[in-house]
C-alpha cells in the first residue's frame, strides 16, 4: 500500500505569486510606462493637432 503520510523534513511548498508580484517588477513597470506615454502622446496629438 502507498504511504501518503508527510514527513517532518519535507520541503515547504513553493510560495504562490500572483499578478501584483508580476506588476511590481521594475522592467515591466518601465515597459508599461513607456507604452502608456506613447498612447497618451498619440491621443493628445489626435485631439489637439488634427
PDB file of N, CA and C in Angstrom:
ATOM      1  N   UNK A   1       0.835  -1.176   0.000  1.00  0.00           N
ATOM      2  CA  UNK A   1       0.000   0.000   0.000  1.00  0.00           C
ATOM      3  C   UNK A   1       0.890   1.252   0.000  1.00  0.00           C
ATOM      4  N   UNK A   2       0.434   2.302  -0.636  1.00  0.00           N
ATOM      5  CA  UNK A   2       1.215   3.521  -0.794  1.00  0.00           C
ATOM      6  C   UNK A   2       1.187   4.344   0.493  1.00  0.00           C
ATOM      7  N   UNK A   3       2.370   4.776   0.932  1.00  0.00           N
ATOM      8  CA  UNK A   3       2.467   5.584   2.144  1.00  0.00           C
ATOM      9  C   UNK A   3       2.242   7.049   1.784  1.00  0.00           C
ATOM     10  N   UNK A   4       1.167   7.659   2.267  1.00  0.00           N
ATOM     11  CA  UNK A   4       0.840   9.049   1.935  1.00  0.00           C
ATOM     12  C   UNK A   4       1.090  10.009   3.084  1.00  0.00           C
ATOM     13  N   UNK A   5       1.711   9.541   4.154  1.00  0.00           N
ATOM     14  CA  UNK A   5       1.999  10.443   5.273  1.00  0.00           C
ATOM     15  C   UNK A   5       3.160  11.351   4.909  1.00  0.00           C
ATOM     16  N   UNK A   6       3.095  12.587   5.381  1.00  0.00           N
ATOM     17  CA  UNK A   6       4.161  13.543   5.085  1.00  0.00           C
ATOM     18  C   UNK A   6       5.178  13.514   6.212  1.00  0.00           C
ATOM     19  N   UNK A   7       6.432  13.520   5.836  1.00  0.00           N
ATOM     20  CA  UNK A   7       7.486  13.520   6.846  1.00  0.00           C
ATOM     21  C   UNK A   7       7.733  14.943   7.350  1.00  0.00           C
ATOM     22  N   UNK A   8       8.396  15.033   8.510  1.00  0.00           N
ATOM     23  CA  UNK A   8       8.657  16.341   9.099  1.00  0.00           C
ATOM     24  C   UNK A   8       9.719  17.122   8.337  1.00  0.00           C
ATOM     25  N   UNK A   9      10.615  16.450   7.662  1.00  0.00           N
ATOM     26  CA  UNK A   9      11.708  17.148   6.978  1.00  0.00           C
ATOM     27  C   UNK A   9      11.398  17.395   5.502  1.00  0.00           C
ATOM     28  N   UNK A  10      10.145  17.345   5.131  1.00  0.00           N
ATOM     29  CA  UNK A  10       9.776  17.611   3.737  1.00  0.00           C
ATOM     30  C   UNK A  10       9.957  19.102   3.446  1.00  0.00           C
ATOM     31  N   UNK A  11      10.277  19.396   2.192  1.00  0.00           N
ATOM     32  CA  UNK A  11      10.475  20.791   1.779  1.00  0.00           C
ATOM     33  C   UNK A  11       9.133  21.521   1.813  1.00  0.00           C
ATOM     34  N   UNK A  12       9.126  22.781   2.264  1.00  0.00           N
ATOM     35  CA  UNK A  12       7.862  23.537   2.280  1.00  0.00           C
ATOM     36  C   UNK A  12       7.403  23.809   0.847  1.00  0.00           C
ATOM     37  N   UNK A  13       6.100  23.902   0.636  1.00  0.00           N
ATOM     38  CA  UNK A  13       5.611  24.183  -0.722  1.00  0.00           C
ATOM     39  C   UNK A  13       6.050  25.568  -1.170  1.00  0.00           C
ATOM     40  N   UNK A  14       6.218  25.700  -2.474  1.00  0.00           N
ATOM     41  CA  UNK A  14       6.651  26.993  -3.022  1.00  0.00           C
ATOM     42  C   UNK A  14       5.557  28.036  -2.815  1.00  0.00           C
ATOM     43  N   UNK A  15       5.999  29.295  -2.626  1.00  0.00           N
ATOM     44  CA  UNK A  15       5.042  30.381  -2.477  1.00  0.00           C
ATOM     45  C   UNK A  15       4.373  30.646  -3.813  1.00  0.00           C
ATOM     46  N   UNK A  16       3.075  30.873  -3.753  1.00  0.00           N
ATOM     47  CA  UNK A  16       2.366  31.244  -4.971  1.00  0.00           C
ATOM     48  C   UNK A  16       2.456  32.757  -5.123  1.00  0.00           C
ATOM     49  N   UNK A  17       2.839  33.179  -6.290  1.00  0.00           N
ATOM     50  CA  UNK A  17       2.966  34.610  -6.549  1.00  0.00           C
ATOM     51  C   UNK A  17       1.947  34.987  -7.602  1.00  0.00           C
ATOM     52  N   UNK A  18       1.212  36.043  -7.346  1.00  0.00           N
ATOM     53  CA  UNK A  18       0.126  36.414  -8.240  1.00  0.00           C
ATOM     54  C   UNK A  18       0.462  37.603  -9.113  1.00  0.00           C
ATOM     55  N   UNK A  19      -0.585  38.240  -9.581  1.00  0.00           N
ATOM     56  CA  UNK A  19      -0.466  39.350 -10.515  1.00  0.00           C
ATOM     57  C   UNK A  19       0.256  40.547  -9.906  1.00  0.00           C
ATOM     58  N   UNK A  20      -0.014  40.830  -8.644  1.00  0.00           N
ATOM     59  CA  UNK A  20       0.601  42.010  -8.043  1.00  0.00           C
ATOM     60  C   UNK A  20       2.109  41.854  -7.936  1.00  0.00           C
ATOM     61  N   UNK A  21       2.591  40.630  -7.735  1.00  0.00           N
ATOM     62  CA  UNK A  21       4.036  40.415  -7.719  1.00  0.00           C
ATOM     63  C   UNK A  21       4.621  40.671  -9.099  1.00  0.00           C
ATOM     64  N   UNK A  22       3.940  40.220 -10.136  1.00  0.00           N
ATOM     65  CA  UNK A  22       4.436  40.412 -11.502  1.00  0.00           C
ATOM     66  C   UNK A  22       4.446  41.894 -11.861  1.00  0.00           C
ATOM     67  N   UNK A  23       3.415  42.634 -11.426  1.00  0.00           N
ATOM     68  CA  UNK A  23       3.342  44.054 -11.758  1.00  0.00           C
ATOM     69  C   UNK A  23       4.354  44.880 -10.980  1.00  0.00           C
ATOM     70  N   UNK A  24       4.894  44.330  -9.903  1.00  0.00           N
ATOM     71  CA  UNK A  24       5.833  45.105  -9.100  1.00  0.00           C
ATOM     72  C   UNK A  24       7.265  45.007  -9.629  1.00  0.00           C
ATOM     73  N   UNK A  25       7.475  44.273 -10.694  1.00  0.00           N
ATOM     74  CA  UNK A  25       8.821  44.135 -11.235  1.00  0.00           C
ATOM     75  C   UNK A  25       9.199  45.390 -12.029  1.00  0.00           C
ATOM     76  N   UNK A  26      10.369  45.970 -11.787  1.00  0.00           N
ATOM     77  CA  UNK A  26      10.745  47.230 -12.447  1.00  0.00           C
ATOM     78  C   UNK A  26      10.758  47.175 -13.976  1.00  0.00           C
ATOM     79  N   UNK A  27      11.292  46.136 -14.636  1.00  0.00           N
ATOM     80  CA  UNK A  27      11.278  46.158 -16.108  1.00  0.00           C
ATOM     81  C   UNK A  27       9.868  46.202 -16.684  1.00  0.00           C
ATOM     82  N   UNK A  28       8.951  45.491 -16.070  1.00  0.00           N
ATOM     83  CA  UNK A  28       7.572  45.515 -16.563  1.00  0.00           C
ATOM     84  C   UNK A  28       6.957  46.884 -16.349  1.00  0.00           C
ATOM     85  N   UNK A  29       7.221  47.500 -15.204  1.00  0.00           N
ATOM     86  CA  UNK A  29       6.664  48.826 -14.943  1.00  0.00           C
ATOM     87  C   UNK A  29       7.220  49.861 -15.915  1.00  0.00           C
ATOM     88  N   UNK A  30       8.506  49.773 -16.237  1.00  0.00           N
ATOM     89  CA  UNK A  30       9.101  50.701 -17.206  1.00  0.00           C
ATOM     90  C   UNK A  30       8.461  50.505 -18.570  1.00  0.00           C
ATOM     91  N   UNK A  31       8.295  49.240 -18.975  1.00  0.00           N
ATOM     92  CA  UNK A  31       7.669  48.944 -20.264  1.00  0.00           C
ATOM     93  C   UNK A  31       6.245  49.493 -20.315  1.00  0.00           C
ATOM     94  N   UNK A  32       5.468  49.269 -19.264  1.00  0.00           N
ATOM     95  CA  UNK A  32       4.091  49.756 -19.254  1.00  0.00           C
ATOM     96  C   UNK A  32       4.035  51.280 -19.229  1.00  0.00           C
ATOM     97  N   UNK A  33       4.979  51.909 -18.542  1.00  0.00           N
ATOM     98  CA  UNK A  33       5.012  53.373 -18.512  1.00  0.00           C
ATOM     99  C   UNK A  33       5.332  53.941 -19.898  1.00  0.00           C
ATOM    100  N   UNK A  34       6.266  53.318 -20.610  1.00  0.00           N
ATOM    101  CA  UNK A  34       6.612  53.787 -21.958  1.00  0.00           C
ATOM    102  C   UNK A  34       5.429  53.621 -22.897  1.00  0.00           C
ATOM    103  N   UNK A  35       4.773  52.480 -22.855  1.00  0.00           N
ATOM    104  CA  UNK A  35       3.606  52.258 -23.715  1.00  0.00           C
ATOM    105  C   UNK A  35       2.491  53.247 -23.362  1.00  0.00           C
ATOM    106  N   UNK A  36       2.282  53.477 -22.066  1.00  0.00           N
ATOM    107  CA  UNK A  36       1.267  54.442 -21.653  1.00  0.00           C
ATOM    108  C   UNK A  36       1.571  55.854 -22.132  1.00  0.00           C
ATOM    109  N   UNK A  37       2.837  56.251 -22.060  1.00  0.00           N
ATOM    110  CA  UNK A  37       3.226  57.593 -22.539  1.00  0.00           C
ATOM    111  C   UNK A  37       3.032  57.712 -24.045  1.00  0.00           C
ATOM    112  N   UNK A  38       3.372  56.673 -24.770  1.00  0.00           N
ATOM    113  CA  UNK A  38       3.176  56.702 -26.223  1.00  0.00           C
ATOM    114  C   UNK A  38       1.690  56.807 -26.569  1.00  0.00           C
ATOM    115  N   UNK A  39       0.848  56.064 -25.870  1.00  0.00           N
ATOM    116  CA  UNK A  39      -0.591  56.160 -26.118  1.00  0.00           C
ATOM    117  C   UNK A  39      -1.125  57.538 -25.755  1.00  0.00           C
ATOM    118  N   UNK A  40      -0.641  58.107 -24.664  1.00  0.00           N
ATOM    119  CA  UNK A  40      -1.072  59.449 -24.255  1.00  0.00           C
ATOM    120  C   UNK A  40      -0.646  60.491 -25.277  1.00  0.00           C
ATOM    121  N   UNK A  41       0.594  60.397 -25.734  1.00  0.00           N
ATOM    122  CA  UNK A  41       1.070  61.355 -26.734  1.00  0.00           C
ATOM    123  C   UNK A  41       0.288  61.237 -28.038  1.00  0.00           C
ATOM    124  N   UNK A  42      -0.019  60.011 -28.447  1.00  0.00           N
ATOM    125  CA  UNK A  42      -0.780  59.816 -29.684  1.00  0.00           C
ATOM    126  C   UNK A  42      -2.200  60.367 -29.537  1.00  0.00           C
ATOM    127  N   UNK A  43      -2.814  60.151 -28.392  1.00  0.00           N
ATOM    128  CA  UNK A  43      -4.183  60.648 -28.218  1.00  0.00           C
ATOM    129  C   UNK A  43      -4.208  62.170 -28.133  1.00  0.00           C
ATOM    130  N   UNK A  44      -3.227  62.763 -27.444  1.00  0.00           N
ATOM    131  CA  UNK A  44      -3.165  64.231 -27.391  1.00  0.00           C
ATOM    132  C   UNK A  44      -2.883  64.813 -28.761  1.00  0.00           C
ATOM    133  N   UNK A  45      -2.057  64.162 -29.542  1.00  0.00           N
ATOM    134  CA  UNK A  45      -1.791  64.637 -30.909  1.00  0.00           C
ATOM    135  C   UNK A  45      -3.053  64.608 -31.735  1.00  0.00           C
ATOM    136  N   UNK A  46      -3.823  63.529 -31.612  1.00  0.00           N
ATOM    137  CA  UNK A  46      -5.075  63.443 -32.371  1.00  0.00           C
ATOM    138  C   UNK A  46      -6.079  64.503 -31.928  1.00  0.00           C
ATOM    139  N   UNK A  47      -6.140  64.758 -30.617  1.00  0.00           N
ATOM    140  CA  UNK A  47      -7.124  65.721 -30.119  1.00  0.00           C
ATOM    141  C   UNK A  47      -6.741  67.161 -30.431  1.00  0.00           C
ATOM    142  N   UNK A  48      -5.466  67.497 -30.291  1.00  0.00           N
ATOM    143  CA  UNK A  48      -5.073  68.903 -30.370  1.00  0.00           C
ATOM    144  C   UNK A  48      -4.503  69.311 -31.712  1.00  0.00           C
ATOM    145  N   UNK A  49      -3.833  68.410 -32.408  1.00  0.00           N
ATOM    146  CA  UNK A  49      -3.139  68.808 -33.626  1.00  0.00           C
ATOM    147  C   UNK A  49      -3.948  68.517 -34.894  1.00  0.00           C
ATOM    148  N   UNK A  50      -4.841  67.556 -34.854  1.00  0.00           N
ATOM    149  CA  UNK A  50      -5.570  67.213 -36.073  1.00  0.00           C
ATOM    150  C   UNK A  50      -6.929  67.873 -36.136  1.00  0.00           C
TER     151      UNK A  50
END
